[in-house]
Amino acid sequence: MILSKATGYGIRALAHLAHREPGHPCGLRELAEALRIPPVYLCKILRELRRHRLVQTTKGIHGGYALARAPEEITLWDVFQLLEPDPDLDGCILGRGLCQPDSPCILHSDWERLRDGFVSFLQQRTISDLSQSKPVPLAENFEERAQHNTRTDMVLSENHH
């Protein structure tokens, strides 16, 4: 997995909030159930997103969470930088500590190229891009992926024999 669980959950929560009508915040329980994320964990993620002004909260019986900015203004890079344990991606891919250009590992130049492409991808994609289509429930998505993986495995095994 390229994204941490927290980053994936944060991105999914923001995309879900982008589907909401303006002025209609989403409660924590509703959001957690819709995304199948443990509410305690989601609360911590939303607290961090709120602290950095990506979401806002409204108190009261009809309160909850809403986007603090337009979804086209929130990049995946914004979320990645807030929620990833190594947001600068400056750790050695072989686990040798920080990447050191003056004493690079054997994979340094390849990793640097991949990392730059990944960062560019995250900077160009927004929450709006993710909220263009209706979210697929987890169970349907899982079943669809399992069918796709089975078809892919069959094609791969046929090609290798």
C-alpha atoms as a PDB file:
ATOM      1  CA  MET A   1       0.000   0.000   0.000  1.00  0.00           C
ATOM      2  CA  ILE A   2       1.439   3.370  -1.006  1.00  0.00           C
ATOM      3  CA  LEU A   3      -0.747   5.471   1.293  1.00  0.00           C
ATOM      4  CA  SER A   4      -0.996   4.912   5.023  1.00  0.00           C
ATOM      5  CA  LYS A   5      -4.352   3.832   6.387  1.00  0.00           C
ATOM      6  CA  ALA A   6      -4.825   7.292   7.944  1.00  0.00           C
ATOM      7  CA  THR A   7      -4.178   9.051   4.627  1.00  0.00           C
ATOM      8  CA  GLY A   8      -6.520   6.718   2.748  1.00  0.00           C
ATOM      9  CA  TYR A   9      -9.234   7.238   5.339  1.00  0.00           C
ATOM     10  CA  GLY A  10      -8.692  11.007   5.280  1.00  0.00           C
ATOM     11  CA  ILE A  11      -8.984  11.156   1.502  1.00  0.00           C
ATOM     12  CA  ARG A  12     -12.109   8.982   1.542  1.00  0.00           C
ATOM     13  CA  ALA A  13     -13.702  11.143   4.246  1.00  0.00           C
ATOM     14  CA  LEU A  14     -12.994  14.347   2.318  1.00  0.00           C
ATOM     15  CA  ALA A  15     -14.390  12.842  -0.910  1.00  0.00           C
ATOM     16  CA  HIS A  16     -17.531  11.776   0.966  1.00  0.00           C
ATOM     17  CA  LEU A  17     -17.947  15.281   2.414  1.00  0.00           C
ATOM     18  CA  ALA A  18     -17.514  16.734  -1.083  1.00  0.00           C
ATOM     19  CA  HIS A  19     -20.702  14.866  -2.114  1.00  0.00           C
ATOM     20  CA  ARG A  20     -22.741  16.652   0.566  1.00  0.00           C
ATOM     21  CA  GLU A  21     -24.942  19.610  -0.179  1.00  0.00           C
ATOM     22  CA  PRO A  22     -23.394  22.861   1.084  1.00  0.00           C
ATOM     23  CA  GLY A  23     -24.751  23.720   4.518  1.00  0.00           C
ATOM     24  CA  HIS A  24     -25.495  20.069   5.373  1.00  0.00           C
ATOM     25  CA  PRO A  25     -22.672  18.786   7.567  1.00  0.00           C
ATOM     26  CA  CYS A  26     -22.157  15.089   8.152  1.00  0.00           C
ATOM     27  CA  GLY A  27     -22.056  13.676  11.673  1.00  0.00           C
ATOM     28  CA  LEU A  28     -19.143  11.525  12.799  1.00  0.00           C
ATOM     29  CA  ARG A  29     -21.254   8.397  13.244  1.00  0.00           C
ATOM     30  CA  GLU A  30     -22.880   8.778   9.824  1.00  0.00           C
ATOM     31  CA  LEU A  31     -19.516   9.344   8.162  1.00  0.00           C
ATOM     32  CA  ALA A  32     -17.870   6.416   9.974  1.00  0.00           C
ATOM     33  CA  GLU A  33     -20.716   4.064   9.043  1.00  0.00           C
ATOM     34  CA  ALA A  34     -20.814   5.187   5.411  1.00  0.00           C
ATOM     35  CA  LEU A  35     -17.073   4.673   5.007  1.00  0.00           C
ATOM     36  CA  ARG A  36     -16.777   1.690   7.364  1.00  0.00           C
ATOM     37  CA  ILE A  37     -14.060   3.372   9.403  1.00  0.00           C
ATOM     38  CA  PRO A  38     -13.826   2.990  13.198  1.00  0.00           C
ATOM     39  CA  PRO A  39     -15.331   6.222  14.637  1.00  0.00           C
ATOM     40  CA  VAL A  40     -12.544   6.763  17.204  1.00  0.00           C
ATOM     41  CA  TYR A  41      -9.875   6.527  14.496  1.00  0.00           C
ATOM     42  CA  LEU A  42     -11.871   8.702  12.091  1.00  0.00           C
ATOM     43  CA  CYS A  43     -12.327  11.321  14.819  1.00  0.00           C
ATOM     44  CA  LYS A  44      -8.535  11.616  15.209  1.00  0.00           C
ATOM     45  CA  ILE A  45      -8.089  12.004  11.458  1.00  0.00           C
ATOM     46  CA  LEU A  46     -10.855  14.614  11.204  1.00  0.00           C
ATOM     47  CA  ARG A  47      -9.359  16.505  14.150  1.00  0.00           C
ATOM     48  CA  GLU A  48      -6.071  16.778  12.244  1.00  0.00           C
ATOM     49  CA  LEU A  49      -7.840  17.830   9.041  1.00  0.00           C
ATOM     50  CA  ARG A  50      -9.771  20.446  11.029  1.00  0.00           C
ATOM     51  CA  ARG A  51      -6.611  21.741  12.691  1.00  0.00           C
ATOM     52  CA  HIS A  52      -5.189  22.382   9.223  1.00  0.00           C
ATOM     53  CA  ARG A  53      -8.446  23.905   7.968  1.00  0.00           C
ATOM     54  CA  LEU A  54      -9.430  21.262   5.437  1.00  0.00           C
ATOM     55  CA  VAL A  55     -12.672  20.524   7.303  1.00  0.00           C
ATOM     56  CA  GLN A  56     -14.825  22.605   9.585  1.00  0.00           C
ATOM     57  CA  THR A  57     -17.236  21.583  12.290  1.00  0.00           C
ATOM     58  CA  THR A  58     -20.648  22.791  13.255  1.00  0.00           C
ATOM     59  CA  LYS A  59     -21.926  22.110  16.764  1.00  0.00           C
ATOM     60  CA  GLY A  60     -25.464  21.144  17.656  1.00  0.00           C
ATOM     61  CA  ILE A  61     -28.059  18.582  16.749  1.00  0.00           C
ATOM     62  CA  HIS A  62     -27.692  19.228  13.012  1.00  0.00           C
ATOM     63  CA  GLY A  63     -23.940  19.723  13.264  1.00  0.00           C
ATOM     64  CA  GLY A  64     -21.069  17.699  11.971  1.00  0.00           C
ATOM     65  CA  TYR A  65     -18.216  17.951   9.512  1.00  0.00           C
ATOM     66  CA  ALA A  66     -18.056  19.772   6.192  1.00  0.00           C
ATOM     67  CA  LEU A  67     -15.288  20.791   3.826  1.00  0.00           C
ATOM     68  CA  ALA A  68     -13.674  24.081   4.810  1.00  0.00           C
ATOM     69  CA  ARG A  69     -12.528  24.733   1.234  1.00  0.00           C
ATOM     70  CA  ALA A  70     -13.851  23.873  -2.186  1.00  0.00           C
ATOM     71  CA  PRO A  71     -12.979  20.266  -3.134  1.00  0.00           C
ATOM     72  CA  GLU A  72     -11.074  21.452  -6.217  1.00  0.00           C
ATOM     73  CA  GLU A  73      -8.769  23.429  -3.897  1.00  0.00           C
ATOM     74  CA  ILE A  74      -7.775  20.405  -1.784  1.00  0.00           C
ATOM     75  CA  THR A  75      -5.104  18.257  -3.400  1.00  0.00           C
ATOM     76  CA  LEU A  76      -4.249  14.716  -2.418  1.00  0.00           C
ATOM     77  CA  TRP A  77      -0.781  16.121  -1.674  1.00  0.00           C
ATOM     78  CA  ASP A  78      -2.321  18.415   0.976  1.00  0.00           C
ATOM     79  CA  VAL A  79      -3.829  15.393   2.726  1.00  0.00           C
ATOM     80  CA  PHE A  80      -0.720  13.246   2.266  1.00  0.00           C
ATOM     81  CA  GLN A  81       1.507  15.889   3.891  1.00  0.00           C
ATOM     82  CA  LEU A  82      -0.779  16.099   6.929  1.00  0.00           C
ATOM     83  CA  LEU A  83      -1.437  12.436   7.606  1.00  0.00           C
ATOM     84  CA  GLU A  84       1.598  10.459   6.400  1.00  0.00           C
ATOM     85  CA  PRO A  85       4.302   9.392   8.872  1.00  0.00           C
ATOM     86  CA  ASP A  86       7.030  10.330   6.301  1.00  0.00           C
ATOM     87  CA  PRO A  87       5.360  13.135   4.318  1.00  0.00           C
ATOM     88  CA  ASP A  88       8.605  14.207   2.649  1.00  0.00           C
ATOM     89  CA  LEU A  89       9.290  10.686   1.362  1.00  0.00           C
ATOM     90  CA  ASP A  90      12.925  11.232   2.247  1.00  0.00           C
ATOM     91  CA  GLY A  91      13.511   7.846   3.847  1.00  0.00           C
ATOM     92  CA  CYS A  92      15.797   5.416   2.027  1.00  0.00           C
ATOM     93  CA  ILE A  93      13.766   2.821   0.151  1.00  0.00           C
ATOM     94  CA  LEU A  94      16.151   0.163   1.540  1.00  0.00           C
ATOM     95  CA  GLY A  95      15.699   1.368   5.123  1.00  0.00           C
ATOM     96  CA  ARG A  96      19.097   3.069   5.507  1.00  0.00           C
ATOM     97  CA  GLY A  97      17.638   6.142   7.218  1.00  0.00           C
ATOM     98  CA  LEU A  98      17.312   9.432   5.368  1.00  0.00           C
ATOM     99  CA  CYS A  99      18.057   9.459   1.648  1.00  0.00           C
ATOM    100  CA  GLN A 100      21.541  10.916   1.211  1.00  0.00           C
ATOM    101  CA  PRO A 101      22.354  12.154  -2.311  1.00  0.00           C
ATOM    102  CA  ASP A 102      26.054  12.306  -1.376  1.00  0.00           C
ATOM    103  CA  SER A 103      26.095   8.588  -0.397  1.00  0.00           C
ATOM    104  CA  PRO A 104      23.176   7.060  -2.313  1.00  0.00           C
ATOM    105  CA  CYS A 105      22.041   3.462  -2.130  1.00  0.00           C
ATOM    106  CA  ILE A 106      21.871   1.410  -5.300  1.00  0.00           C
ATOM    107  CA  LEU A 107      18.174   2.300  -5.813  1.00  0.00           C
ATOM    108  CA  HIS A 108      18.454   6.024  -5.020  1.00  0.00           C
ATOM    109  CA  SER A 109      18.120   7.452  -8.540  1.00  0.00           C
ATOM    110  CA  ASP A 110      15.274   5.085  -9.457  1.00  0.00           C
ATOM    111  CA  TRP A 111      13.440   5.861  -6.198  1.00  0.00           C
ATOM    112  CA  GLU A 112      13.986   9.595  -6.672  1.00  0.00           C
ATOM    113  CA  ARG A 113      12.386   9.448 -10.131  1.00  0.00           C
ATOM    114  CA  LEU A 114       9.443   7.378  -8.848  1.00  0.00           C
ATOM    115  CA  ARG A 115       9.006   9.616  -5.807  1.00  0.00           C
ATOM    116  CA  ASP A 116       8.970  12.769  -7.943  1.00  0.00           C
ATOM    117  CA  GLY A 117       6.326  11.234 -10.228  1.00  0.00           C
ATOM    118  CA  PHE A 118       4.228  10.157  -7.239  1.00  0.00           C
ATOM    119  CA  VAL A 119       4.407  13.625  -5.652  1.00  0.00           C
ATOM    120  CA  SER A 120       3.467  15.222  -8.975  1.00  0.00           C
ATOM    121  CA  PHE A 121       0.474  12.877  -9.249  1.00  0.00           C
ATOM    122  CA  LEU A 122      -0.701  13.777  -5.723  1.00  0.00           C
ATOM    123  CA  GLN A 123      -0.253  17.486  -6.415  1.00  0.00           C
ATOM    124  CA  GLN A 124      -2.337  17.326  -9.585  1.00  0.00           C
ATOM    125  CA  ARG A 125      -5.267  15.334  -8.206  1.00  0.00           C
ATOM    126  CA  THR A 126      -7.930  16.932  -6.031  1.00  0.00           C
ATOM    127  CA  ILE A 127     -10.739  15.812  -3.785  1.00  0.00           C
ATOM    128  CA  SER A 128     -13.044  17.092  -6.519  1.00  0.00           C
ATOM    129  CA  ASP A 129     -11.544  14.540  -8.928  1.00  0.00           C
ATOM    130  CA  LEU A 130     -12.447  11.754  -6.498  1.00  0.00           C
ATOM    131  CA  SER A 131     -15.927  13.032  -5.800  1.00  0.00           C
ATOM    132  CA  GLN A 132     -16.991  13.124  -9.470  1.00  0.00           C
ATOM    133  CA  SER A 133     -18.415   9.621  -9.342  1.00  0.00           C
ATOM    134  CA  LYS A 134     -20.706   8.051  -6.793  1.00  0.00           C
ATOM    135  CA  PRO A 135     -18.770   6.179  -4.087  1.00  0.00           C
ATOM    136  CA  VAL A 136     -18.823   2.384  -4.438  1.00  0.00           C
ATOM    137  CA  PRO A 137     -19.782   0.547  -1.242  1.00  0.00           C
ATOM    138  CA  LEU A 138     -16.869  -1.428   0.176  1.00  0.00           C
ATOM    139  CA  ALA A 139     -18.495  -4.859  -0.272  1.00  0.00           C
ATOM    140  CA  GLU A 140     -19.262  -4.264  -3.971  1.00  0.00           C
ATOM    141  CA  ASN A 141     -15.786  -2.897  -4.567  1.00  0.00           C
ATOM    142  CA  PHE A 142     -14.222  -5.905  -2.829  1.00  0.00           C
ATOM    143  CA  GLU A 143     -16.277  -8.370  -4.843  1.00  0.00           C
ATOM    144  CA  GLU A 144     -15.481  -6.585  -8.109  1.00  0.00           C
ATOM    145  CA  ARG A 145     -11.744  -6.551  -7.295  1.00  0.00           C
ATOM    146  CA  ALA A 146     -11.827 -10.240  -6.379  1.00  0.00           C
ATOM    147  CA  GLN A 147     -13.466 -11.079  -9.730  1.00  0.00           C
ATOM    148  CA  HIS A 148     -10.939  -8.908 -11.595  1.00  0.00           C
ATOM    149  CA  ASN A 149      -8.023 -10.505  -9.730  1.00  0.00           C
ATOM    150  CA  THR A 150      -9.327 -13.984 -10.544  1.00  0.00           C
ATOM    151  CA  ARG A 151      -9.617 -13.114 -14.248  1.00  0.00           C
ATOM    152  CA  THR A 152      -6.132 -11.562 -14.194  1.00  0.00           C
ATOM    153  CA  ASP A 153      -4.676 -14.612 -12.425  1.00  0.00           C
ATOM    154  CA  MET A 154      -6.251 -16.922 -15.027  1.00  0.00           C
ATOM    155  CA  VAL A 155      -4.855 -14.876 -17.925  1.00  0.00           C
ATOM    156  CA  LEU A 156      -1.416 -14.752 -16.302  1.00  0.00           C
ATOM    157  CA  SER A 157      -1.376 -18.493 -15.640  1.00  0.00           C
ATOM    158  CA  GLU A 158      -2.489 -19.220 -19.246  1.00  0.00           C
ATOM    159  CA  ASN A 159       0.308 -17.006 -20.597  1.00  0.00           C
ATOM    160  CA  HIS A 160       2.964 -18.737 -18.488  1.00  0.00           C
ATOM    161  CA  HIS A 161       2.098 -22.275 -19.622  1.00  0.00           C
END
